[in-house]
C-alpha atoms as a PDB file:
ATOM      1  CA  MET A   1       6.962  -7.552   4.278  1.00  0.00           C
ATOM      2  CA  ARG A   2       7.146  -3.981   5.463  1.00  0.00           C
ATOM      3  CA  ARG A   3       3.844  -3.128   7.146  1.00  0.00           C
ATOM      4  CA  CYS A   4       3.480   0.128   5.304  1.00  0.00           C
ATOM      5  CA  ARG A   5       3.264  -1.860   2.062  1.00  0.00           C
ATOM      6  CA  ARG A   6       0.047  -3.597   3.090  1.00  0.00           C
ATOM      7  CA  ALA A   7      -1.337  -0.405   4.591  1.00  0.00           C
ATOM      8  CA  ALA A   8      -0.497   1.460   1.389  1.00  0.00           C
ATOM      9  CA  PHE A   9      -2.711  -0.966  -0.497  1.00  0.00           C
ATOM     10  CA  VAL A  10      -5.650   0.106   1.678  1.00  0.00           C
ATOM     11  CA  PHE A  11      -4.673   3.782   1.456  1.00  0.00           C
ATOM     12  CA  VAL A  12      -5.831   3.535  -2.164  1.00  0.00           C
ATOM     13  CA  LEU A  13      -9.105   4.929  -0.836  1.00  0.00           C
ATOM     14  CA  PHE A  14      -7.361   8.183  -0.010  1.00  0.00           C
ATOM     15  CA  ALA A  15      -4.345   8.403  -2.316  1.00  0.00           C
ATOM     16  CA  PHE A  16      -3.529   7.408  -5.904  1.00  0.00           C
ATOM     17  CA  PHE A  17      -6.542   5.502  -7.223  1.00  0.00           C
ATOM     18  CA  GLY A  18      -8.780   7.157  -4.653  1.00  0.00           C
ATOM     19  CA  ALA A  19      -7.861  10.533  -6.083  1.00  0.00           C
ATOM     20  CA  LEU A  20      -8.510   9.249  -9.591  1.00  0.00           C
ATOM     21  CA  GLU A  21     -11.951   8.062  -8.566  1.00  0.00           C
ATOM     22  CA  GLU A  22     -12.613  11.424  -6.912  1.00  0.00           C
ATOM     23  CA  ALA A  23     -11.695  13.212 -10.123  1.00  0.00           C
ATOM     24  CA  ARG A  24     -13.891  10.872 -12.184  1.00  0.00           C
ATOM     25  CA  ALA A  25     -16.962  10.532  -9.945  1.00  0.00           C
ATOM     26  CA  GLY A  26     -16.946  13.846  -8.096  1.00  0.00           C
ATOM     27  CA  GLU A  27     -18.048  15.769 -11.198  1.00  0.00           C
ATOM     28  CA  PRO A  28     -19.068  14.211 -14.551  1.00  0.00           C
ATOM     29  CA  ASN A  29     -17.089  16.895 -16.358  1.00  0.00           C
ATOM     30  CA  GLY A  30     -14.640  19.502 -15.107  1.00  0.00           C
ATOM     31  CA  PHE A  31     -11.696  20.118 -12.796  1.00  0.00           C
ATOM     32  CA  SER A  32     -11.079  19.045  -9.207  1.00  0.00           C
ATOM     33  CA  LEU A  33      -8.303  19.789  -6.728  1.00  0.00           C
ATOM     34  CA  GLU A  34      -7.443  17.945  -3.514  1.00  0.00           C
ATOM     35  CA  ALA A  35      -4.810  18.708  -0.860  1.00  0.00           C
ATOM     36  CA  GLY A  36      -4.147  16.851   2.372  1.00  0.00           C
ATOM     37  CA  ALA A  37      -1.754  15.120   4.746  1.00  0.00           C
ATOM     38  CA  ARG A  38      -1.450  11.605   6.211  1.00  0.00           C
ATOM     39  CA  GLY A  39       0.630  10.220   9.052  1.00  0.00           C
ATOM     40  CA  MET A  40       1.526   6.616   9.874  1.00  0.00           C
ATOM     41  CA  TYR A  41       3.067   4.725  12.794  1.00  0.00           C
ATOM     42  CA  SER A  42       4.348   1.162  12.427  1.00  0.00           C
ATOM     43  CA  SER A  43       5.870  -1.321  14.863  1.00  0.00           C
ATOM     44  CA  GLY A  44       6.611  -5.010  15.002  1.00  0.00           C
ATOM     45  CA  ILE A  45       8.347  -6.282  11.897  1.00  0.00           C
ATOM     46  CA  SER A  46      11.059  -3.610  11.722  1.00  0.00           C
ATOM     47  CA  GLU A  47      12.158  -1.134  14.335  1.00  0.00           C
ATOM     48  CA  PRO A  48       9.209   1.146  15.293  1.00  0.00           C
ATOM     49  CA  TYR A  49       8.961   4.263  13.151  1.00  0.00           C
ATOM     50  CA  TYR A  50       6.613   6.998  11.992  1.00  0.00           C
ATOM     51  CA  SER A  51       6.254   8.676   8.614  1.00  0.00           C
ATOM     52  CA  TYR A  52       4.004  11.265   7.061  1.00  0.00           C
ATOM     53  CA  LYS A  53       3.269  12.809   3.696  1.00  0.00           C
ATOM     54  CA  ILE A  54       1.695  15.916   2.156  1.00  0.00           C
ATOM     55  CA  ASP A  55      -0.294  15.288  -1.021  1.00  0.00           C
ATOM     56  CA  THR A  56      -1.800  17.561  -3.682  1.00  0.00           C
ATOM     57  CA  ALA A  57      -3.560  16.397  -6.833  1.00  0.00           C
ATOM     58  CA  ALA A  58      -5.462  18.026  -9.708  1.00  0.00           C
ATOM     59  CA  GLY A  59      -7.903  16.075 -11.850  1.00  0.00           C
ATOM     60  CA  PHE A  60      -9.975  16.661 -14.957  1.00  0.00           C
ATOM     61  CA  SER A  61     -12.940  14.607 -16.185  1.00  0.00           C
ATOM     62  CA  ALA A  62     -14.512  14.768 -19.640  1.00  0.00           C
ATOM     63  CA  GLY A  63     -16.925  12.110 -20.862  1.00  0.00           C
ATOM     64  CA  PHE A  64     -15.519   8.653 -20.184  1.00  0.00           C
ATOM     65  CA  VAL A  65     -11.934   9.835 -19.507  1.00  0.00           C
ATOM     66  CA  SER A  66     -10.404  11.253 -16.325  1.00  0.00           C
ATOM     67  CA  VAL A  67      -6.800  12.323 -15.790  1.00  0.00           C
ATOM     68  CA  LEU A  68      -4.850  13.159 -12.645  1.00  0.00           C
ATOM     69  CA  LEU A  69      -1.546  14.918 -11.928  1.00  0.00           C
ATOM     70  CA  GLY A  70      -0.156  15.190  -8.426  1.00  0.00           C
ATOM     71  CA  TYR A  71       2.761  15.795  -6.081  1.00  0.00           C
ATOM     72  CA  VAL A  72       3.580  14.084  -2.761  1.00  0.00           C
ATOM     73  CA  ARG A  73       6.216  15.020  -0.176  1.00  0.00           C
ATOM     74  CA  HIS A  74       7.257  11.986   1.895  1.00  0.00           C
ATOM     75  CA  GLN A  75       8.954  12.537   5.270  1.00  0.00           C
ATOM     76  CA  HIS A  76      10.829   9.993   7.410  1.00  0.00           C
ATOM     77  CA  TYR A  77      10.365   7.104   4.960  1.00  0.00           C
ATOM     78  CA  GLN A  78      12.039   3.942   6.270  1.00  0.00           C
ATOM     79  CA  LEU A  79      14.930   2.298   4.423  1.00  0.00           C
ATOM     80  CA  THR A  80      16.675  -1.006   5.189  1.00  0.00           C
ATOM     81  CA  ASP A  81      19.787  -2.835   4.064  1.00  0.00           C
ATOM     82  CA  GLY A  82      17.881  -6.125   4.313  1.00  0.00           C
ATOM     83  CA  ALA A  83      20.047  -7.396   7.149  1.00  0.00           C
ATOM     84  CA  GLY A  84      18.940  -5.657  10.316  1.00  0.00           C
ATOM     85  CA  ASN A  85      19.963  -2.016   9.794  1.00  0.00           C
ATOM     86  CA  TYR A  86      17.542   0.834   9.094  1.00  0.00           C
ATOM     87  CA  GLY A  87      17.688   4.425   7.933  1.00  0.00           C
ATOM     88  CA  TYR A  88      15.247   7.179   6.920  1.00  0.00           C
ATOM     89  CA  THR A  89      14.895   9.588   4.040  1.00  0.00           C
ATOM     90  CA  ASP A  90      12.714  12.415   2.727  1.00  0.00           C
ATOM     91  CA  PHE A  91      11.791  12.549  -0.942  1.00  0.00           C
ATOM     92  CA  ASP A  92       9.541  14.170  -3.537  1.00  0.00           C
ATOM     93  CA  GLN A  93       7.188  12.171  -5.711  1.00  0.00           C
ATOM     94  CA  ALA A  94       5.298  13.133  -8.870  1.00  0.00           C
ATOM     95  CA  HIS A  95       2.436  10.967 -10.105  1.00  0.00           C
ATOM     96  CA  ALA A  96       0.073  10.833 -13.059  1.00  0.00           C
ATOM     97  CA  GLY A  97      -2.854   8.606 -13.927  1.00  0.00           C
ATOM     98  CA  ILE A  98      -5.725   8.122 -16.305  1.00  0.00           C
ATOM     99  CA  VAL A  99      -9.109   6.357 -16.067  1.00  0.00           C
ATOM    100  CA  PHE A 100     -11.129   5.058 -19.018  1.00  0.00           C
ATOM    101  CA  SER A 101     -14.813   4.236 -18.435  1.00  0.00           C
ATOM    102  CA  PRO A 102     -16.179   3.545 -21.942  1.00  0.00           C
ATOM    103  CA  THR A 103     -19.214   1.639 -20.601  1.00  0.00           C
ATOM    104  CA  ARG A 104     -21.057   1.264 -17.305  1.00  0.00           C
ATOM    105  CA  ILE A 105     -19.656  -2.233 -16.786  1.00  0.00           C
ATOM    106  CA  PHE A 106     -15.948  -1.663 -17.534  1.00  0.00           C
ATOM    107  CA  GLU A 107     -13.255   0.644 -16.187  1.00  0.00           C
ATOM    108  CA  LEU A 108      -9.507   0.714 -16.848  1.00  0.00           C
ATOM    109  CA  THR A 109      -6.996   2.664 -14.736  1.00  0.00           C
ATOM    110  CA  ALA A 110      -3.275   3.210 -15.371  1.00  0.00           C
ATOM    111  CA  GLY A 111      -0.716   5.308 -13.537  1.00  0.00           C
ATOM    112  CA  VAL A 112       2.940   6.025 -12.874  1.00  0.00           C
ATOM    113  CA  ARG A 113       4.903   7.526  -9.972  1.00  0.00           C
ATOM    114  CA  TYR A 114       8.464   8.877 -10.006  1.00  0.00           C
ATOM    115  CA  SER A 115      10.428   9.627  -6.806  1.00  0.00           C
ATOM    116  CA  ASN A 116      13.705  11.396  -6.009  1.00  0.00           C
ATOM    117  CA  GLY A 117      15.202  12.562  -2.721  1.00  0.00           C
ATOM    118  CA  ALA A 118      17.843  12.418   0.001  1.00  0.00           C
ATOM    119  CA  SER A 119      20.191   9.420   0.475  1.00  0.00           C
ATOM    120  CA  SER A 120      20.302   9.231  -3.345  1.00  0.00           C
ATOM    121  CA  PHE A 121      16.763   7.849  -3.192  1.00  0.00           C
ATOM    122  CA  ARG A 122      15.128   7.181  -6.541  1.00  0.00           C
ATOM    123  CA  GLY A 123      12.067   5.162  -7.402  1.00  0.00           C
ATOM    124  CA  VAL A 124       9.553   4.439 -10.116  1.00  0.00           C
ATOM    125  CA  GLU A 125       6.189   2.679  -9.866  1.00  0.00           C
ATOM    126  CA  TYR A 126       3.684   1.543 -12.493  1.00  0.00           C
ATOM    127  CA  ARG A 127       0.106   0.448 -11.761  1.00  0.00           C
ATOM    128  CA  GLY A 128      -2.730  -0.907 -13.836  1.00  0.00           C
ATOM    129  CA  GLU A 129      -6.246  -1.832 -12.752  1.00  0.00           C
ATOM    130  CA  ALA A 130      -9.272  -3.239 -14.591  1.00  0.00           C
ATOM    131  CA  SER A 131     -12.785  -3.481 -13.136  1.00  0.00           C
ATOM    132  CA  LEU A 132     -16.026  -5.119 -14.271  1.00  0.00           C
ATOM    133  CA  TYR A 133     -19.425  -4.162 -12.803  1.00  0.00           C
ATOM    134  CA  PHE A 134     -22.485  -6.418 -12.986  1.00  0.00           C
ATOM    135  CA  GLY A 135     -25.188  -4.808 -10.886  1.00  0.00           C
ATOM    136  CA  ALA A 136     -24.354  -5.468  -7.236  1.00  0.00           C
ATOM    137  CA  VAL A 137     -21.255  -7.500  -8.171  1.00  0.00           C
ATOM    138  CA  SER A 138     -17.867  -6.097  -9.162  1.00  0.00           C
ATOM    139  CA  ILE A 139     -14.557  -7.791 -10.021  1.00  0.00           C
ATOM    140  CA  THR A 140     -11.229  -5.939  -9.989  1.00  0.00           C
ATOM    141  CA  GLY A 141      -7.739  -7.032 -10.979  1.00  0.00           C
ATOM    142  CA  GLU A 142      -4.590  -4.996 -10.258  1.00  0.00           C
ATOM    143  CA  TYR A 143      -0.907  -5.197 -11.199  1.00  0.00           C
ATOM    144  CA  MET A 144       1.908  -3.085  -9.781  1.00  0.00           C
ATOM    145  CA  SER A 145       5.613  -3.001 -10.606  1.00  0.00           C
ATOM    146  CA  ALA A 146       8.047  -0.818  -8.644  1.00  0.00           C
ATOM    147  CA  GLY A 147      11.724  -0.301  -8.049  1.00  0.00           C
ATOM    148  CA  GLU A 148      13.731   1.630  -5.432  1.00  0.00           C
ATOM    149  CA  GLY A 149      17.380   2.553  -5.094  1.00  0.00           C
ATOM    150  CA  TYR A 150      19.178   4.386  -2.272  1.00  0.00           C
ATOM    151  CA  GLU A 151      22.370   4.672  -0.226  1.00  0.00           C
ATOM    152  CA  LEU A 152      22.529   3.309   3.325  1.00  0.00           C
ATOM    153  CA  ASP A 153      25.626   2.818   5.482  1.00  0.00           C
ATOM    154  CA  GLY A 154      27.876   3.328   2.480  1.00  0.00           C
ATOM    155  CA  LEU A 155      26.080   0.763   0.329  1.00  0.00           C
ATOM    156  CA  ASP A 156      24.181   1.404  -2.906  1.00  0.00           C
ATOM    157  CA  LEU A 157      21.032  -0.722  -2.541  1.00  0.00           C
ATOM    158  CA  GLU A 158      18.393  -1.762  -5.075  1.00  0.00           C
ATOM    159  CA  ASN A 159      15.115  -3.637  -4.778  1.00  0.00           C
ATOM    160  CA  LYS A 160      12.289  -4.493  -7.161  1.00  0.00           C
ATOM    161  CA  ARG A 161       8.705  -5.368  -6.261  1.00  0.00           C
ATOM    162  CA  ARG A 162       5.637  -6.806  -8.001  1.00  0.00           C
ATOM    163  CA  LEU A 163       2.088  -7.085  -6.748  1.00  0.00           C
ATOM    164  CA  TYR A 164      -0.802  -9.057  -8.264  1.00  0.00           C
ATOM    165  CA  SER A 165      -4.281  -8.635  -6.809  1.00  0.00           C
ATOM    166  CA  LEU A 166      -7.777  -9.943  -7.576  1.00  0.00           C
ATOM    167  CA  GLU A 167     -10.907  -8.862  -5.670  1.00  0.00           C
ATOM    168  CA  ALA A 168     -14.653  -9.468  -5.921  1.00  0.00           C
ATOM    169  CA  SER A 169     -17.275  -7.353  -4.163  1.00  0.00           C
ATOM    170  CA  LEU A 170     -20.997  -7.903  -3.543  1.00  0.00           C
ATOM    171  CA  GLY A 171     -23.484  -5.236  -2.498  1.00  0.00           C
ATOM    172  CA  VAL A 172     -25.730  -6.820   0.126  1.00  0.00           C
ATOM    173  CA  SER A 173     -27.898  -3.711   0.470  1.00  0.00           C
ATOM    174  CA  GLU A 174     -27.660   0.026  -0.174  1.00  0.00           C
ATOM    175  CA  THR A 175     -25.535   0.434   2.952  1.00  0.00           C
ATOM    176  CA  VAL A 176     -23.648  -2.884   3.298  1.00  0.00           C
ATOM    177  CA  TRP A 177     -21.231  -4.756   1.051  1.00  0.00           C
ATOM    178  CA  ILE A 178     -18.757  -7.615   1.351  1.00  0.00           C
ATOM    179  CA  ASP A 179     -15.603  -8.362  -0.586  1.00  0.00           C
ATOM    180  CA  ALA A 180     -13.001 -11.100  -0.885  1.00  0.00           C
ATOM    181  CA  GLY A 181      -9.628 -11.058  -2.562  1.00  0.00           C
ATOM    182  CA  LEU A 182      -6.230 -12.611  -3.115  1.00  0.00           C
ATOM    183  CA  ASP A 183      -2.885 -10.754  -3.148  1.00  0.00           C
ATOM    184  CA  HIS A 184       0.506 -12.066  -4.260  1.00  0.00           C
ATOM    185  CA  ASP A 185       3.408  -9.783  -3.330  1.00  0.00           C
ATOM    186  CA  GLY A 186       7.037 -10.378  -4.283  1.00  0.00           C
ATOM    187  CA  ILE A 187      10.279  -8.458  -3.818  1.00  0.00           C
ATOM    188  CA  ASP A 188      13.842  -9.044  -5.076  1.00  0.00           C
ATOM    189  CA  PHE A 189      16.430  -7.503  -2.776  1.00  0.00           C
ATOM    190  CA  GLU A 190      19.663  -7.262  -4.725  1.00  0.00           C
ATOM    191  CA  THR A 191      21.914  -6.705  -1.705  1.00  0.00           C
ATOM    192  CA  THR A 192      21.158 -10.031  -0.008  1.00  0.00           C
ATOM    193  CA  GLY A 193      19.938 -12.005  -2.997  1.00  0.00           C
ATOM    194  CA  ALA A 194      16.569 -12.373  -1.258  1.00  0.00           C
ATOM    195  CA  ALA A 195      13.495 -13.191  -3.357  1.00  0.00           C
ATOM    196  CA  TYR A 196      10.804 -12.876  -0.724  1.00  0.00           C
ATOM    197  CA  THR A 197       7.143 -13.537  -1.581  1.00  0.00           C
ATOM    198  CA  LYS A 198       3.867 -13.375   0.348  1.00  0.00           C
ATOM    199  CA  THR A 199       0.400 -14.624  -0.653  1.00  0.00           C
ATOM    200  CA  THR A 200      -2.626 -13.443   1.334  1.00  0.00           C
ATOM    201  CA  GLY A 201      -6.361 -14.047   1.104  1.00  0.00           C
ATOM    202  CA  ASN A 202      -8.710 -11.487   2.622  1.00  0.00           C
ATOM    203  CA  PHE A 203     -12.380 -10.985   3.454  1.00  0.00           C
ATOM    204  CA  GLY A 204     -13.919  -7.587   4.194  1.00  0.00           C
ATOM    205  CA  LEU A 205     -17.122  -5.890   5.255  1.00  0.00           C
ATOM    206  CA  GLY A 206     -18.117  -2.320   4.465  1.00  0.00           C
ATOM    207  CA  ILE A 207     -20.914  -0.394   6.159  1.00  0.00           C
ATOM    208  CA  ASN A 208     -22.250   3.024   5.210  1.00  0.00           C
ATOM    209  CA  PRO A 209     -24.587   3.830   8.148  1.00  0.00           C
ATOM    210  CA  ALA A 210     -24.906   7.501   7.179  1.00  0.00           C
ATOM    211  CA  ARG A 211     -24.061   9.380   3.999  1.00  0.00           C
ATOM    212  CA  PRO A 212     -20.773  10.942   5.210  1.00  0.00           C
ATOM    213  CA  ILE A 213     -19.528   7.890   7.169  1.00  0.00           C
ATOM    214  CA  THR A 214     -18.063   4.605   5.926  1.00  0.00           C
ATOM    215  CA  MET A 215     -16.761   1.835   8.201  1.00  0.00           C
ATOM    216  CA  LEU A 216     -14.444  -0.933   6.976  1.00  0.00           C
ATOM    217  CA  PHE A 217     -13.571  -4.237   8.663  1.00  0.00           C
ATOM    218  CA  GLY A 218     -11.456  -7.115   7.410  1.00  0.00           C
ATOM    219  CA  VAL A 219      -9.593 -10.328   8.191  1.00  0.00           C
ATOM    220  CA  ASN A 220      -6.832 -12.011   6.214  1.00  0.00           C
ATOM    221  CA  TYR A 221      -4.743 -15.171   6.183  1.00  0.00           C
ATOM    222  CA  GLY A 222      -1.561 -15.927   4.313  1.00  0.00           C
ATOM    223  CA  ARG A 223       1.849 -17.551   4.019  1.00  0.00           C
ATOM    224  CA  ASP A 224       5.251 -16.228   3.000  1.00  0.00           C
ATOM    225  CA  SER A 225       8.365 -17.748   1.479  1.00  0.00           C
ATOM    226  CA  PHE A 226      10.012 -17.750   4.931  1.00  0.00           C
ATOM    227  CA  ASP A 227       7.384 -20.350   5.977  1.00  0.00           C
ATOM    228  CA  TYR A 228       5.664 -17.915   8.343  1.00  0.00           C
ATOM    229  CA  THR A 229       1.864 -18.092   8.674  1.00  0.00           C
ATOM    230  CA  LEU A 230       0.113 -14.709   8.738  1.00  0.00           C
ATOM    231  CA  PHE A 231      -3.137 -13.869  10.549  1.00  0.00           C
ATOM    232  CA  GLY A 232      -4.424 -10.315  10.112  1.00  0.00           C
ATOM    233  CA  VAL A 233      -7.253  -7.959  11.058  1.00  0.00           C
ATOM    234  CA  ASP A 234      -7.964  -4.410   9.898  1.00  0.00           C
ATOM    235  CA  ALA A 235     -10.502  -1.678  10.571  1.00  0.00           C
ATOM    236  CA  GLY A 236     -11.041   1.803   9.167  1.00  0.00           C
ATOM    237  CA  LEU A 237     -13.321   4.822   9.345  1.00  0.00           C
ATOM    238  CA  ASP A 238     -13.813   7.273   6.478  1.00  0.00           C
ATOM    239  CA  LEU A 239     -15.633  10.602   6.811  1.00  0.00           C
ATOM    240  CA  ARG A 240     -16.572  12.743   3.802  1.00  0.00           C
ATOM    241  CA  LEU A 241     -18.504  15.962   4.430  1.00  0.00           C
ATOM    242  CA  PRO A 242     -20.439  17.981   1.820  1.00  0.00           C
ATOM    243  CA  CYS A 243     -18.095  20.935   2.355  1.00  0.00           C
ATOM    244  CA  GLY A 244     -15.272  18.923   0.769  1.00  0.00           C
ATOM    245  CA  LEU A 245     -13.528  17.849   3.985  1.00  0.00           C
ATOM    246  CA  LYS A 246     -12.374  14.212   4.101  1.00  0.00           C
ATOM    247  CA  ALA A 247     -10.851  12.437   7.110  1.00  0.00           C
ATOM    248  CA  SER A 248      -9.887   8.827   7.731  1.00  0.00           C
ATOM    249  CA  ILE A 249      -8.250   6.541  10.259  1.00  0.00           C
ATOM    250  CA  PHE A 250      -7.066   2.983   9.672  1.00  0.00           C
ATOM    251  CA  TYR A 251      -5.558   0.150  11.743  1.00  0.00           C
ATOM    252  CA  LEU A 252      -3.880  -3.033  10.510  1.00  0.00           C
ATOM    253  CA  GLY A 253      -2.632  -5.791  12.794  1.00  0.00           C
ATOM    254  CA  THR A 254      -0.852  -8.978  11.684  1.00  0.00           C
ATOM    255  CA  TYR A 255       0.417 -11.924  13.726  1.00  0.00           C
ATOM    256  CA  TYR A 256       3.404 -13.709  12.170  1.00  0.00           C
ATOM    257  CA  GLU A 257       3.506 -17.316  13.365  1.00  0.00           C
ATOM    258  CA  ALA A 258       6.975 -18.798  13.010  1.00  0.00           C
ATOM    259  CA  PRO A 259       7.520 -22.296  11.558  1.00  0.00           C
ATOM    260  CA  PRO A 260       8.979 -25.050  13.769  1.00  0.00           C
ATOM    261  CA  SER A 261      12.415 -24.356  12.338  1.00  0.00           C
ATOM    262  CA  VAL A 262      13.949 -21.538  10.294  1.00  0.00           C
ATOM    263  CA  SER A 263      16.960 -21.878   8.017  1.00  0.00           C
ATOM    264  CA  ILE A 264      19.085 -18.737   7.754  1.00  0.00           C
ATOM    265  CA  ASN A 265      22.303 -18.284   5.810  1.00  0.00           C
ATOM    266  CA  SER A 266      24.097 -15.824   8.122  1.00  0.00           C
ATOM    267  CA  VAL A 267      27.480 -15.109   6.657  1.00  0.00           C
ATOM    268  CA  GLY A 268      28.285 -11.937   8.579  1.00  0.00           C
ATOM    269  CA  GLY A 269      28.874  -8.733   6.692  1.00  0.00           C
ATOM    270  CA  HIS A 270      27.241  -5.336   6.779  1.00  0.00           C
ATOM    271  CA  GLY A 271      23.945  -5.936   8.605  1.00  0.00           C
ATOM    272  CA  GLY A 272      22.857  -6.082  12.226  1.00  0.00           C
ATOM    273  CA  GLY A 273      22.193  -9.810  11.845  1.00  0.00           C
ATOM    274  CA  GLY A 274      24.349 -10.824   8.904  1.00  0.00           C
ATOM    275  CA  VAL A 275      23.034 -11.554   5.416  1.00  0.00           C
ATOM    276  CA  TYR A 276      19.646 -13.292   5.457  1.00  0.00           C
ATOM    277  CA  GLY A 277      18.775 -16.319   3.341  1.00  0.00           C
ATOM    278  CA  ARG A 278      17.159 -16.131  -0.072  1.00  0.00           C
ATOM    279  CA  ASP A 279      13.532 -16.563   1.085  1.00  0.00           C
ATOM    280  CA  ALA A 280      13.846 -14.479   4.259  1.00  0.00           C
ATOM    281  CA  ASN A 281      11.897 -11.279   4.771  1.00  0.00           C
ATOM    282  CA  PRO A 282      14.443  -8.529   4.025  1.00  0.00           C
ATOM    283  CA  PHE A 283      12.572  -6.041   6.267  1.00  0.00           C
ATOM    284  CA  LEU A 284      12.554  -8.271   9.376  1.00  0.00           C
ATOM    285  CA  ARG A 285      14.555  -7.302  12.464  1.00  0.00           C
ATOM    286  CA  SER A 286      17.355  -9.841  13.033  1.00  0.00           C
ATOM    287  CA  SER A 287      16.229 -10.315  16.664  1.00  0.00           C
ATOM    288  CA  LEU A 288      12.875 -11.706  15.440  1.00  0.00           C
ATOM    289  CA  ILE A 289      14.211 -14.404  13.120  1.00  0.00           C
ATOM    290  CA  GLY A 290      12.610 -17.723  14.045  1.00  0.00           C
ATOM    291  CA  LYS A 291      10.191 -16.090  16.518  1.00  0.00           C
ATOM    292  CA  SER A 292       6.450 -15.422  16.368  1.00  0.00           C
ATOM    293  CA  PHE A 293       5.481 -11.767  16.719  1.00  0.00           C
ATOM    294  CA  ALA A 294       2.714  -9.201  16.115  1.00  0.00           C
ATOM    295  CA  ALA A 295       3.025  -6.171  13.819  1.00  0.00           C
ATOM    296  CA  HIS A 296       0.837  -3.066  13.951  1.00  0.00           C
ATOM    297  CA  THR A 297       0.214  -0.124  11.640  1.00  0.00           C
ATOM    298  CA  MET A 298      -1.940   2.909  12.414  1.00  0.00           C
ATOM    299  CA  SER A 299      -2.594   5.746   9.978  1.00  0.00           C
ATOM    300  CA  ALA A 300      -4.722   8.889   9.949  1.00  0.00           C
ATOM    301  CA  GLY A 301      -5.264  11.539   7.310  1.00  0.00           C
ATOM    302  CA  VAL A 302      -7.246  14.599   6.380  1.00  0.00           C
ATOM    303  CA  SER A 303      -7.749  16.376   3.049  1.00  0.00           C
ATOM    304  CA  PHE A 304      -9.940  18.977   1.413  1.00  0.00           C
ATOM    305  CA  VAL A 305     -11.482  18.767  -2.055  1.00  0.00           C
ATOM    306  CA  PHE A 306     -11.940  22.051  -3.917  1.00  0.00           C
END
């Protein structure tokens, strides 16, 4: 699936739920404001592309409740017809979220995003997350449902996506922790009739060698409905200074190992490689069908908390 999707899951440290946590934990009670920008470059699964976004968010915490309202401007966001052709759009996105922390051991987060922009782009996303904390151990479950619609090469395209995630984390010491999780990602691409799914297990290590610095490392393994085997590695660095400046850089690499044989229903039509089969990855370049390949995503961002 599109590399930015997996990277976006990690960007939670710096975007939607990260901003909610900042609003909740930064000050027990009161207002917070954060503004920043993030850029990303991706290559491998689709044609190489870059994108970037400008993000502002305002939060308020009172007792066990925190709320967040924000605005994001996305530039050069990649679109696909699911059959080998790509386009790009710019759009505006408004988001809102709320966190309930009624006890020290339980936290519930919910949020929504609404998008509208060029190429008749429109989108809506809903997220929910529940976490349990037992001393050095935490368990988190997440659900996301999203839909996008847009025009590309004269076609009106629609896709729907669902993500289920479960993660457990263990604090080894005051500066080191480990985590393990399982993600199940699925997308229905109306144009091609594709119903692509991907299930991935992951293991991570976090190190906080100094108060403003956090280092993240991870490996993952998975399979998709196209019978590809996925091997992945990731690494990140997060810097948070007392003055309110935050900066981060993240890399994700995945090797897609092709099965011995691939069945594709190519019936011609609008795409660069025809219409892909039902279980095919709708974001895959047609030239890579049936081949093993590596995909890479690099992102970097900076923001300031007021």
